[in-house]
């Protein structure tokens, strides 16, 4: 009987130790960066008989604000700028240009999968702008449902500062515009609390 009550005491003590989660501080983390992107969707320009050149590799920029709570899943907002592609044509002596770019506004979730390696997934809208300059200028904007997914590796350089390398897939779903991006980010943990 004494042996059973001692076993129960040890079991309860062990349960208490293993059931309590270690509380970590919470953080707000700002990520700023940019890099290059390659447009991977097909470009359909009409009329096809006009000679032209397509530019699919361009610069891009990202700003991301993340909240790191007490648990592993993190939340945030992401925006930036991406130039999907540009297309230059010449019809006789008349030049023309089409440029398609976007500003993403995404809700983002993130999780560390191994030390210093994070995965990100976001969903929201892309403000897609099409600029046509051919016998006059026409600009059109559309709000397009979109998403992104990214994988990053962060190298600390100071207590609250790091540099991250990131590969990201950006996808404006409704317009079927998609790009693969390679970026470098500055990661700044600027606010901390219990």
N, C-alpha and C. Protein backbone atom coordinates (compact mmCIF):
# COMPACT_ATOMS: atom_id res chain seq x y z
N UNK A 1 0.82 -1.20 0.00
CA UNK A 1 0.00 0.00 0.00
C UNK A 1 0.86 1.26 0.00
N UNK A 2 1.89 1.25 0.85
CA UNK A 2 2.80 2.38 0.91
C UNK A 2 3.52 2.53 -0.43
N UNK A 3 3.92 1.38 -1.00
CA UNK A 3 4.62 1.37 -2.28
C UNK A 3 3.74 2.01 -3.38
N UNK A 4 2.42 1.70 -3.40
CA UNK A 4 1.53 2.27 -4.40
C UNK A 4 1.36 3.77 -4.23
N UNK A 5 1.28 4.23 -2.97
CA UNK A 5 1.10 5.67 -2.78
C UNK A 5 2.38 6.43 -3.15
N UNK A 6 3.56 5.83 -2.92
CA UNK A 6 4.82 6.46 -3.33
C UNK A 6 4.88 6.53 -4.86
N UNK A 7 4.45 5.43 -5.53
CA UNK A 7 4.42 5.43 -7.00
C UNK A 7 3.48 6.50 -7.54
N UNK A 8 2.32 6.63 -6.90
CA UNK A 8 1.37 7.67 -7.32
C UNK A 8 1.96 9.06 -7.16
N UNK A 9 2.70 9.28 -6.06
CA UNK A 9 3.32 10.59 -5.83
C UNK A 9 4.33 10.90 -6.92
N UNK A 10 5.18 9.91 -7.26
CA UNK A 10 6.17 10.13 -8.32
C UNK A 10 5.50 10.35 -9.67
N UNK A 11 4.45 9.60 -9.95
CA UNK A 11 3.73 9.74 -11.23
C UNK A 11 3.13 11.13 -11.34
N UNK A 12 2.51 11.63 -10.24
CA UNK A 12 1.92 12.96 -10.28
C UNK A 12 2.99 14.03 -10.44
N UNK A 13 4.13 13.84 -9.76
CA UNK A 13 5.21 14.81 -9.90
C UNK A 13 5.72 14.84 -11.34
N UNK A 14 5.85 13.65 -11.95
CA UNK A 14 6.32 13.57 -13.34
C UNK A 14 5.32 14.20 -14.30
N UNK A 15 4.03 13.96 -14.06
CA UNK A 15 3.00 14.53 -14.93
C UNK A 15 3.06 16.04 -14.87
N UNK A 16 3.22 16.58 -13.66
CA UNK A 16 3.27 18.03 -13.53
C UNK A 16 4.45 18.61 -14.31
N UNK A 17 5.59 17.94 -14.25
CA UNK A 17 6.78 18.45 -14.95
C UNK A 17 6.61 18.37 -16.46
N UNK A 18 6.07 17.27 -16.96
CA UNK A 18 5.98 17.10 -18.40
C UNK A 18 4.77 17.84 -19.00
N UNK A 19 3.73 18.08 -18.20
CA UNK A 19 2.55 18.74 -18.73
C UNK A 19 2.69 20.26 -18.80
N UNK A 20 3.60 20.83 -18.03
CA UNK A 20 3.74 22.28 -18.08
C UNK A 20 4.60 22.66 -19.27
N UNK A 21 4.14 23.67 -20.00
CA UNK A 21 4.89 24.18 -21.15
C UNK A 21 5.76 25.33 -20.70
N UNK A 22 6.98 25.33 -21.19
CA UNK A 22 7.89 26.42 -20.85
C UNK A 22 7.42 27.67 -21.58
N UNK A 23 7.23 28.74 -20.82
CA UNK A 23 6.76 30.00 -21.41
C UNK A 23 7.95 30.77 -21.96
N UNK A 24 7.84 31.16 -23.22
CA UNK A 24 8.86 31.99 -23.85
C UNK A 24 8.31 33.40 -24.00
N UNK A 25 9.22 34.33 -24.18
CA UNK A 25 8.79 35.70 -24.45
C UNK A 25 8.13 35.79 -25.82
N UNK A 26 7.32 36.83 -26.00
CA UNK A 26 6.70 37.09 -27.30
C UNK A 26 7.49 38.20 -27.99
N UNK A 27 7.44 38.17 -29.34
CA UNK A 27 8.22 39.13 -30.11
C UNK A 27 7.40 39.69 -31.27
N UNK A 28 7.76 40.88 -31.68
CA UNK A 28 7.37 41.40 -32.99
C UNK A 28 8.63 41.46 -33.83
N UNK A 29 8.56 40.89 -35.03
CA UNK A 29 9.73 40.77 -35.90
C UNK A 29 9.41 41.42 -37.24
N UNK A 30 10.28 42.33 -37.68
CA UNK A 30 10.14 42.99 -38.96
C UNK A 30 11.16 42.41 -39.93
N UNK A 31 10.69 42.03 -41.11
CA UNK A 31 11.57 41.51 -42.16
C UNK A 31 11.45 42.41 -43.38
N UNK A 32 12.59 42.91 -43.84
CA UNK A 32 12.66 43.75 -45.04
C UNK A 32 13.66 43.13 -45.99
N UNK A 33 13.29 43.02 -47.26
CA UNK A 33 14.24 42.43 -48.19
C UNK A 33 13.80 42.52 -49.62
N UNK A 34 14.62 41.93 -50.45
CA UNK A 34 14.33 41.92 -51.88
C UNK A 34 15.24 40.95 -52.59
N UNK A 35 15.05 40.87 -53.89
CA UNK A 35 15.86 39.95 -54.68
C UNK A 35 15.39 39.93 -56.11
N UNK A 36 15.50 38.76 -56.72
CA UNK A 36 15.08 38.61 -58.11
C UNK A 36 13.93 37.61 -58.18
N UNK A 37 13.12 37.77 -59.22
CA UNK A 37 12.01 36.84 -59.43
C UNK A 37 11.95 36.48 -60.90
N UNK A 38 11.50 35.27 -61.17
CA UNK A 38 11.30 34.80 -62.53
C UNK A 38 9.84 34.40 -62.71
N UNK A 39 9.21 34.98 -63.73
CA UNK A 39 7.81 34.68 -64.03
C UNK A 39 7.75 33.29 -64.66
N UNK A 40 6.93 32.41 -64.09
CA UNK A 40 6.90 31.02 -64.54
C UNK A 40 5.62 30.64 -65.29
N UNK A 41 4.65 31.54 -65.32
CA UNK A 41 3.43 31.27 -66.09
C UNK A 41 3.66 31.65 -67.55
N UNK A 42 2.75 31.19 -68.42
CA UNK A 42 2.88 31.56 -69.83
C UNK A 42 2.32 32.97 -70.05
N UNK A 43 2.93 33.68 -71.01
CA UNK A 43 2.51 35.04 -71.35
C UNK A 43 1.71 34.97 -72.64
N UNK A 44 0.46 35.41 -72.59
CA UNK A 44 -0.40 35.42 -73.78
C UNK A 44 -0.65 36.85 -74.21
N UNK A 45 0.11 37.27 -75.22
CA UNK A 45 -0.03 38.63 -75.76
C UNK A 45 -0.70 38.54 -77.12
N UNK A 46 -1.74 39.35 -77.33
CA UNK A 46 -2.45 39.39 -78.61
C UNK A 46 -2.23 40.76 -79.26
N UNK A 47 -2.06 40.90 -80.53
CA UNK A 47 -1.96 39.79 -81.49
C UNK A 47 -0.57 39.18 -81.50
N UNK A 48 -0.50 37.87 -81.73
CA UNK A 48 0.76 37.15 -81.68
C UNK A 48 1.71 37.49 -82.82
N UNK A 49 1.18 38.03 -83.93
CA UNK A 49 2.04 38.29 -85.09
C UNK A 49 2.98 39.48 -84.89
N UNK A 50 2.75 40.30 -83.85
CA UNK A 50 3.64 41.43 -83.61
C UNK A 50 4.94 40.93 -83.01
N UNK A 51 6.10 41.33 -83.59
CA UNK A 51 7.39 40.91 -83.00
C UNK A 51 7.61 41.64 -81.69
N UNK A 52 8.22 40.95 -80.75
CA UNK A 52 8.47 41.58 -79.45
C UNK A 52 9.40 40.77 -78.60
N UNK A 53 9.68 41.30 -77.42
CA UNK A 53 10.56 40.62 -76.47
C UNK A 53 9.91 40.63 -75.10
N UNK A 54 10.04 39.51 -74.41
CA UNK A 54 9.45 39.35 -73.07
C UNK A 54 10.57 39.39 -72.04
N UNK A 55 10.35 40.16 -71.00
CA UNK A 55 11.28 40.18 -69.86
C UNK A 55 10.58 39.56 -68.68
N UNK A 56 11.06 38.36 -68.26
CA UNK A 56 10.41 37.62 -67.17
C UNK A 56 11.18 37.67 -65.86
N UNK A 57 12.45 38.08 -65.89
CA UNK A 57 13.26 38.12 -64.66
C UNK A 57 13.43 39.58 -64.25
N UNK A 58 12.97 39.89 -63.04
CA UNK A 58 12.97 41.27 -62.56
C UNK A 58 13.28 41.31 -61.07
N UNK A 59 13.40 42.52 -60.53
CA UNK A 59 13.61 42.71 -59.10
C UNK A 59 12.28 42.69 -58.36
N UNK A 60 12.34 42.38 -57.06
CA UNK A 60 11.13 42.41 -56.22
C UNK A 60 11.52 42.83 -54.81
N UNK A 61 10.53 43.17 -54.01
CA UNK A 61 10.76 43.60 -52.63
C UNK A 61 9.67 43.05 -51.73
N UNK A 62 10.03 42.82 -50.46
CA UNK A 62 9.08 42.27 -49.49
C UNK A 62 9.23 43.00 -48.16
N UNK A 63 8.10 43.25 -47.50
CA UNK A 63 8.08 43.69 -46.11
C UNK A 63 7.10 42.76 -45.38
N UNK A 64 7.55 42.25 -44.24
CA UNK A 64 6.74 41.29 -43.49
C UNK A 64 6.84 41.62 -42.00
N UNK A 65 5.70 41.70 -41.34
CA UNK A 65 5.65 41.93 -39.89
C UNK A 65 5.05 40.68 -39.25
N UNK A 66 5.83 40.05 -38.34
CA UNK A 66 5.40 38.79 -37.74
C UNK A 66 5.28 38.93 -36.22
N UNK A 67 4.28 38.27 -35.66
CA UNK A 67 4.12 38.14 -34.22
C UNK A 67 4.52 36.73 -33.83
N UNK A 68 5.52 36.61 -32.96
CA UNK A 68 5.96 35.32 -32.43
C UNK A 68 5.32 35.15 -31.05
N UNK A 69 4.24 34.39 -30.93
CA UNK A 69 3.59 34.21 -29.62
C UNK A 69 4.31 33.15 -28.79
N UNK A 70 3.65 32.67 -27.72
CA UNK A 70 4.24 31.66 -26.84
C UNK A 70 4.33 30.29 -27.51
N UNK A 71 3.55 30.06 -28.55
CA UNK A 71 3.54 28.75 -29.19
C UNK A 71 4.25 28.82 -30.55
N UNK A 72 4.34 27.69 -31.23
CA UNK A 72 5.19 27.57 -32.41
C UNK A 72 4.64 28.25 -33.66
N UNK A 73 3.32 28.31 -33.78
CA UNK A 73 2.72 28.91 -34.97
C UNK A 73 2.73 30.43 -34.84
N UNK A 74 3.27 31.12 -35.85
CA UNK A 74 3.41 32.56 -35.83
C UNK A 74 2.48 33.19 -36.87
N UNK A 75 2.13 34.44 -36.64
CA UNK A 75 1.18 35.13 -37.51
C UNK A 75 1.75 36.47 -37.94
N UNK A 76 1.28 36.95 -39.11
CA UNK A 76 1.74 38.26 -39.54
C UNK A 76 1.07 38.75 -40.80
N UNK A 77 1.60 39.85 -41.31
CA UNK A 77 1.13 40.47 -42.55
C UNK A 77 2.32 40.65 -43.48
N UNK A 78 2.08 40.50 -44.77
CA UNK A 78 3.14 40.65 -45.75
C UNK A 78 2.66 41.51 -46.91
N UNK A 79 3.56 42.36 -47.39
CA UNK A 79 3.31 43.14 -48.58
C UNK A 79 4.62 43.29 -49.34
N UNK A 80 4.64 44.17 -50.32
CA UNK A 80 5.85 44.38 -51.10
C UNK A 80 5.51 44.79 -52.51
N UNK A 81 6.38 44.42 -53.44
CA UNK A 81 6.18 44.75 -54.84
C UNK A 81 6.84 43.67 -55.69
N UNK A 82 6.13 43.23 -56.73
CA UNK A 82 6.69 42.28 -57.69
C UNK A 82 6.29 42.70 -59.09
N UNK A 83 7.26 42.74 -59.98
CA UNK A 83 6.99 43.00 -61.39
C UNK A 83 6.92 41.64 -62.07
N UNK A 84 5.73 41.18 -62.43
CA UNK A 84 5.60 39.84 -63.00
C UNK A 84 6.34 39.73 -64.33
N UNK A 85 6.02 40.59 -65.28
CA UNK A 85 6.72 40.56 -66.57
C UNK A 85 6.46 41.85 -67.33
N UNK A 86 7.27 42.08 -68.36
CA UNK A 86 7.03 43.17 -69.30
C UNK A 86 7.22 42.62 -70.71
N UNK A 87 6.52 43.22 -71.65
CA UNK A 87 6.53 42.76 -73.04
C UNK A 87 6.62 43.98 -73.94
N UNK A 88 7.66 44.05 -74.76
CA UNK A 88 7.84 45.16 -75.68
C UNK A 88 7.57 44.68 -77.10
N UNK A 89 6.80 45.49 -77.85
CA UNK A 89 6.47 45.14 -79.24
C UNK A 89 6.80 46.33 -80.13
N UNK A 90 6.89 46.05 -81.45
CA UNK A 90 7.08 47.11 -82.43
C UNK A 90 6.25 46.76 -83.64
N UNK A 91 5.30 47.60 -83.96
CA UNK A 91 4.43 47.44 -85.12
C UNK A 91 4.81 48.52 -86.13
N UNK A 92 5.68 48.16 -87.06
CA UNK A 92 6.21 49.16 -87.98
C UNK A 92 7.09 50.12 -87.21
N UNK A 93 6.72 51.40 -87.23
CA UNK A 93 7.45 52.41 -86.46
C UNK A 93 6.81 52.70 -85.11
N UNK A 94 5.78 51.95 -84.76
CA UNK A 94 5.05 52.22 -83.51
C UNK A 94 5.47 51.24 -82.42
N UNK A 95 6.22 51.70 -81.41
CA UNK A 95 6.59 50.81 -80.31
C UNK A 95 5.46 50.72 -79.29
N UNK A 96 5.48 49.64 -78.54
CA UNK A 96 4.50 49.47 -77.48
C UNK A 96 5.09 48.65 -76.35
N UNK A 97 4.46 48.77 -75.19
CA UNK A 97 4.96 48.04 -74.02
C UNK A 97 3.79 47.68 -73.11
N UNK A 98 3.84 46.46 -72.59
CA UNK A 98 2.89 46.01 -71.57
C UNK A 98 3.71 45.65 -70.34
N UNK A 99 3.30 46.14 -69.19
CA UNK A 99 3.99 45.82 -67.93
C UNK A 99 2.95 45.37 -66.92
N UNK A 100 3.17 44.20 -66.29
CA UNK A 100 2.24 43.66 -65.29
C UNK A 100 2.98 43.51 -63.98
N UNK A 101 2.52 44.24 -62.95
CA UNK A 101 3.13 44.13 -61.62
C UNK A 101 2.05 44.03 -60.56
N UNK A 102 2.48 43.74 -59.33
CA UNK A 102 1.50 43.51 -58.27
C UNK A 102 2.05 43.93 -56.91
N UNK A 103 1.13 44.32 -56.05
CA UNK A 103 1.40 44.56 -54.63
C UNK A 103 0.60 43.53 -53.85
N UNK A 104 1.27 42.55 -53.22
CA UNK A 104 0.52 41.57 -52.42
C UNK A 104 0.15 42.14 -51.05
N UNK A 105 -1.02 41.78 -50.56
CA UNK A 105 -1.44 42.08 -49.19
C UNK A 105 -1.95 40.75 -48.62
N UNK A 106 -1.10 40.11 -47.81
CA UNK A 106 -1.35 38.73 -47.41
C UNK A 106 -1.31 38.57 -45.89
N UNK A 107 -2.21 37.72 -45.38
CA UNK A 107 -2.09 37.22 -44.01
C UNK A 107 -1.17 36.00 -44.07
N UNK A 108 -0.17 35.98 -43.17
CA UNK A 108 0.89 34.97 -43.26
C UNK A 108 0.98 34.18 -41.96
N UNK A 109 1.20 32.87 -42.11
CA UNK A 109 1.49 31.98 -40.99
C UNK A 109 2.89 31.42 -41.19
N UNK A 110 3.57 31.18 -40.07
CA UNK A 110 4.94 30.70 -40.16
C UNK A 110 5.21 29.71 -39.03
N UNK A 111 6.16 28.80 -39.28
CA UNK A 111 6.58 27.86 -38.26
C UNK A 111 8.03 27.48 -38.50
N UNK A 112 8.79 27.36 -37.41
CA UNK A 112 10.16 26.88 -37.52
C UNK A 112 10.12 25.36 -37.63
N UNK A 113 10.73 24.81 -38.71
CA UNK A 113 10.68 23.36 -38.90
C UNK A 113 11.94 22.67 -38.37
N UNK A 114 13.08 23.30 -38.48
CA UNK A 114 14.30 22.90 -37.79
C UNK A 114 15.00 24.19 -37.39
N UNK A 115 16.07 24.10 -36.64
CA UNK A 115 16.74 25.31 -36.16
C UNK A 115 17.10 26.23 -37.32
N UNK A 116 16.65 27.48 -37.23
CA UNK A 116 16.92 28.56 -38.18
C UNK A 116 16.21 28.42 -39.53
N UNK A 117 15.46 27.35 -39.72
CA UNK A 117 14.74 27.15 -40.99
C UNK A 117 13.24 27.31 -40.73
N UNK A 118 12.61 28.24 -41.46
CA UNK A 118 11.20 28.55 -41.28
C UNK A 118 10.44 28.36 -42.59
N UNK A 119 9.20 27.93 -42.45
CA UNK A 119 8.30 27.84 -43.60
C UNK A 119 7.20 28.89 -43.41
N UNK A 120 6.81 29.54 -44.51
CA UNK A 120 5.78 30.58 -44.49
C UNK A 120 4.68 30.21 -45.49
N UNK A 121 3.45 30.54 -45.15
CA UNK A 121 2.33 30.38 -46.08
C UNK A 121 1.40 31.57 -45.88
N UNK A 122 0.99 32.17 -46.99
CA UNK A 122 0.13 33.34 -46.90
C UNK A 122 -1.01 33.28 -47.90
N UNK A 123 -2.09 33.97 -47.56
CA UNK A 123 -3.25 34.08 -48.46
C UNK A 123 -3.85 35.47 -48.30
N UNK A 124 -4.37 35.99 -49.40
CA UNK A 124 -4.95 37.32 -49.37
C UNK A 124 -5.23 37.81 -50.77
N UNK A 125 -4.81 39.04 -51.05
CA UNK A 125 -5.09 39.63 -52.35
C UNK A 125 -3.82 40.21 -52.96
N UNK A 126 -3.79 40.23 -54.27
CA UNK A 126 -2.76 40.92 -55.03
C UNK A 126 -3.44 42.08 -55.77
N UNK A 127 -2.90 43.28 -55.62
CA UNK A 127 -3.38 44.40 -56.43
C UNK A 127 -2.54 44.38 -57.70
N UNK A 128 -3.11 43.84 -58.77
CA UNK A 128 -2.39 43.65 -60.03
C UNK A 128 -2.65 44.86 -60.93
N UNK A 129 -1.58 45.48 -61.39
CA UNK A 129 -1.66 46.63 -62.28
C UNK A 129 -1.10 46.25 -63.64
N UNK A 130 -1.87 46.51 -64.68
CA UNK A 130 -1.42 46.32 -66.06
C UNK A 130 -1.27 47.69 -66.70
N UNK A 131 -0.06 47.97 -67.18
CA UNK A 131 0.24 49.26 -67.82
C UNK A 131 0.49 48.99 -69.31
N UNK A 132 -0.37 49.54 -70.17
CA UNK A 132 -0.24 49.38 -71.62
C UNK A 132 0.09 50.73 -72.22
N UNK A 133 1.21 50.77 -72.94
CA UNK A 133 1.63 51.99 -73.63
C UNK A 133 1.77 51.66 -75.11
N UNK A 134 0.68 51.88 -75.88
CA UNK A 134 0.67 51.57 -77.31
C UNK A 134 -0.41 52.43 -77.97
N UNK A 135 0.03 53.44 -78.72
CA UNK A 135 -0.90 54.43 -79.29
C UNK A 135 -1.78 55.04 -78.18
N UNK A 136 -1.17 55.38 -77.09
CA UNK A 136 -1.88 55.89 -75.92
C UNK A 136 -1.53 55.04 -74.71
N UNK A 137 -1.89 55.54 -73.55
CA UNK A 137 -1.55 54.85 -72.30
C UNK A 137 -2.83 54.42 -71.60
N UNK A 138 -2.86 53.14 -71.19
CA UNK A 138 -3.99 52.61 -70.44
C UNK A 138 -3.44 51.88 -69.21
N UNK A 139 -3.99 52.22 -68.04
CA UNK A 139 -3.65 51.53 -66.79
C UNK A 139 -4.90 50.87 -66.24
N UNK A 140 -4.77 49.63 -65.82
CA UNK A 140 -5.91 48.96 -65.18
C UNK A 140 -5.44 48.27 -63.91
N UNK A 141 -6.29 48.27 -62.90
CA UNK A 141 -5.99 47.62 -61.62
C UNK A 141 -7.08 46.61 -61.32
N UNK A 142 -6.66 45.52 -60.68
CA UNK A 142 -7.63 44.50 -60.27
C UNK A 142 -7.17 43.88 -58.96
N UNK A 143 -8.13 43.56 -58.09
CA UNK A 143 -7.86 42.84 -56.85
C UNK A 143 -8.03 41.35 -57.15
N UNK A 144 -6.93 40.61 -57.02
CA UNK A 144 -6.90 39.20 -57.41
C UNK A 144 -6.62 38.35 -56.18
N UNK A 145 -7.39 37.29 -55.96
CA UNK A 145 -7.11 36.34 -54.89
C UNK A 145 -5.75 35.71 -55.13
N UNK A 146 -4.92 35.64 -54.07
CA UNK A 146 -3.58 35.09 -54.25
C UNK A 146 -3.02 34.47 -52.99
N UNK A 147 -1.84 33.88 -53.16
CA UNK A 147 -1.18 33.19 -52.04
C UNK A 147 0.32 33.25 -52.25
N UNK A 148 1.05 32.82 -51.24
CA UNK A 148 2.48 32.59 -51.39
C UNK A 148 2.91 31.51 -50.41
N UNK A 149 4.05 30.91 -50.70
CA UNK A 149 4.67 29.94 -49.80
C UNK A 149 6.16 30.16 -49.89
N UNK A 150 6.85 30.08 -48.74
CA UNK A 150 8.28 30.39 -48.73
C UNK A 150 9.01 29.50 -47.73
N UNK A 151 10.30 29.34 -47.98
CA UNK A 151 11.20 28.61 -47.10
C UNK A 151 12.41 29.50 -46.89
N UNK A 152 12.80 29.72 -45.62
CA UNK A 152 13.92 30.62 -45.35
C UNK A 152 14.88 30.03 -44.34
N UNK A 153 16.11 30.48 -44.43
CA UNK A 153 17.16 30.15 -43.45
C UNK A 153 17.68 31.47 -42.89
N UNK A 154 17.68 31.61 -41.55
CA UNK A 154 18.10 32.85 -40.90
C UNK A 154 19.41 32.65 -40.16
N UNK A 155 20.37 33.53 -40.42
CA UNK A 155 21.65 33.53 -39.73
C UNK A 155 21.71 34.73 -38.80
N UNK A 156 21.78 34.51 -37.47
CA UNK A 156 21.88 35.66 -36.55
C UNK A 156 23.20 36.40 -36.75
N UNK A 157 23.13 37.74 -36.67
CA UNK A 157 24.35 38.56 -36.75
C UNK A 157 24.52 39.43 -35.50
N UNK A 158 23.46 39.57 -34.72
CA UNK A 158 23.50 40.29 -33.44
C UNK A 158 22.35 39.75 -32.59
N UNK A 159 22.20 40.27 -31.37
CA UNK A 159 21.18 39.74 -30.46
C UNK A 159 19.78 39.80 -31.06
N UNK A 160 19.43 40.90 -31.69
CA UNK A 160 18.08 41.08 -32.23
C UNK A 160 18.06 41.25 -33.74
N UNK A 161 19.12 40.84 -34.41
CA UNK A 161 19.22 41.07 -35.84
C UNK A 161 19.75 39.83 -36.55
N UNK A 162 19.18 39.54 -37.71
CA UNK A 162 19.63 38.40 -38.51
C UNK A 162 19.51 38.70 -39.99
N UNK A 163 20.13 37.86 -40.79
CA UNK A 163 20.03 37.92 -42.24
C UNK A 163 19.44 36.59 -42.69
N UNK A 164 18.43 36.65 -43.56
CA UNK A 164 17.75 35.44 -44.02
C UNK A 164 17.85 35.32 -45.54
N UNK A 165 18.06 34.10 -46.00
CA UNK A 165 17.95 33.77 -47.42
C UNK A 165 16.63 33.06 -47.60
N UNK A 166 15.85 33.46 -48.61
CA UNK A 166 14.49 32.93 -48.76
C UNK A 166 14.18 32.61 -50.22
N UNK A 167 13.54 31.47 -50.41
CA UNK A 167 12.96 31.10 -51.71
C UNK A 167 11.45 31.15 -51.55
N UNK A 168 10.78 31.80 -52.51
CA UNK A 168 9.33 32.04 -52.34
C UNK A 168 8.60 31.85 -53.67
N UNK A 169 7.42 31.23 -53.58
CA UNK A 169 6.51 31.06 -54.72
C UNK A 169 5.36 32.03 -54.52
N UNK A 170 5.18 32.98 -55.47
CA UNK A 170 4.10 33.95 -55.39
C UNK A 170 3.09 33.65 -56.49
N UNK A 171 1.81 33.62 -56.13
CA UNK A 171 0.80 33.13 -57.04
C UNK A 171 -0.47 33.98 -56.96
N UNK A 172 -0.73 34.75 -58.01
CA UNK A 172 -2.02 35.44 -58.15
C UNK A 172 -2.96 34.46 -58.83
N UNK A 173 -3.80 33.82 -58.04
CA UNK A 173 -4.52 32.61 -58.47
C UNK A 173 -5.48 32.90 -59.63
N UNK A 174 -6.31 33.93 -59.49
CA UNK A 174 -7.36 34.16 -60.49
C UNK A 174 -6.80 34.58 -61.85
N UNK A 175 -5.72 35.36 -61.86
CA UNK A 175 -5.14 35.79 -63.13
C UNK A 175 -4.07 34.83 -63.64
N UNK A 176 -3.76 33.79 -62.86
CA UNK A 176 -2.78 32.76 -63.23
C UNK A 176 -1.39 33.36 -63.46
N UNK A 177 -1.04 34.35 -62.65
CA UNK A 177 0.30 34.93 -62.67
C UNK A 177 1.09 34.33 -61.51
N UNK A 178 2.26 33.76 -61.79
CA UNK A 178 3.06 33.13 -60.73
C UNK A 178 4.54 33.39 -60.98
N UNK A 179 5.27 33.61 -59.89
CA UNK A 179 6.71 33.86 -59.97
C UNK A 179 7.43 33.11 -58.87
N UNK A 180 8.66 32.71 -59.17
CA UNK A 180 9.57 32.13 -58.20
C UNK A 180 10.58 33.20 -57.82
N UNK A 181 10.71 33.47 -56.52
CA UNK A 181 11.56 34.57 -56.04
C UNK A 181 12.68 34.04 -55.16
N UNK A 182 13.85 34.62 -55.29
CA UNK A 182 14.98 34.39 -54.40
C UNK A 182 15.31 35.73 -53.76
N UNK A 183 15.30 35.77 -52.43
CA UNK A 183 15.44 37.04 -51.72
C UNK A 183 16.43 36.95 -50.57
N UNK A 184 16.93 38.10 -50.15
CA UNK A 184 17.70 38.26 -48.92
C UNK A 184 16.94 39.24 -48.04
N UNK A 185 16.74 38.87 -46.76
CA UNK A 185 15.98 39.70 -45.83
C UNK A 185 16.83 40.12 -44.65
N UNK A 186 16.59 41.32 -44.16
CA UNK A 186 17.06 41.73 -42.84
C UNK A 186 15.94 41.37 -41.86
N UNK A 187 16.26 40.65 -40.80
CA UNK A 187 15.28 40.20 -39.81
C UNK A 187 15.58 40.92 -38.50
N UNK A 188 14.66 41.78 -38.07
CA UNK A 188 14.87 42.60 -36.88
C UNK A 188 13.79 42.32 -35.84
N UNK A 189 14.21 41.78 -34.69
CA UNK A 189 13.31 41.56 -33.56
C UNK A 189 13.30 42.84 -32.74
N UNK A 190 12.30 43.71 -33.00
CA UNK A 190 12.34 45.06 -32.44
C UNK A 190 11.51 45.25 -31.19
N UNK A 191 10.68 44.26 -30.81
CA UNK A 191 9.86 44.40 -29.60
C UNK A 191 9.73 43.04 -28.93
N UNK A 192 9.88 43.04 -27.59
CA UNK A 192 9.83 41.79 -26.83
C UNK A 192 9.05 42.03 -25.54
N UNK A 193 8.20 41.07 -25.17
CA UNK A 193 7.48 41.16 -23.90
C UNK A 193 7.14 39.76 -23.41
N UNK A 194 6.71 39.68 -22.17
CA UNK A 194 6.39 38.39 -21.53
C UNK A 194 5.05 37.87 -22.02
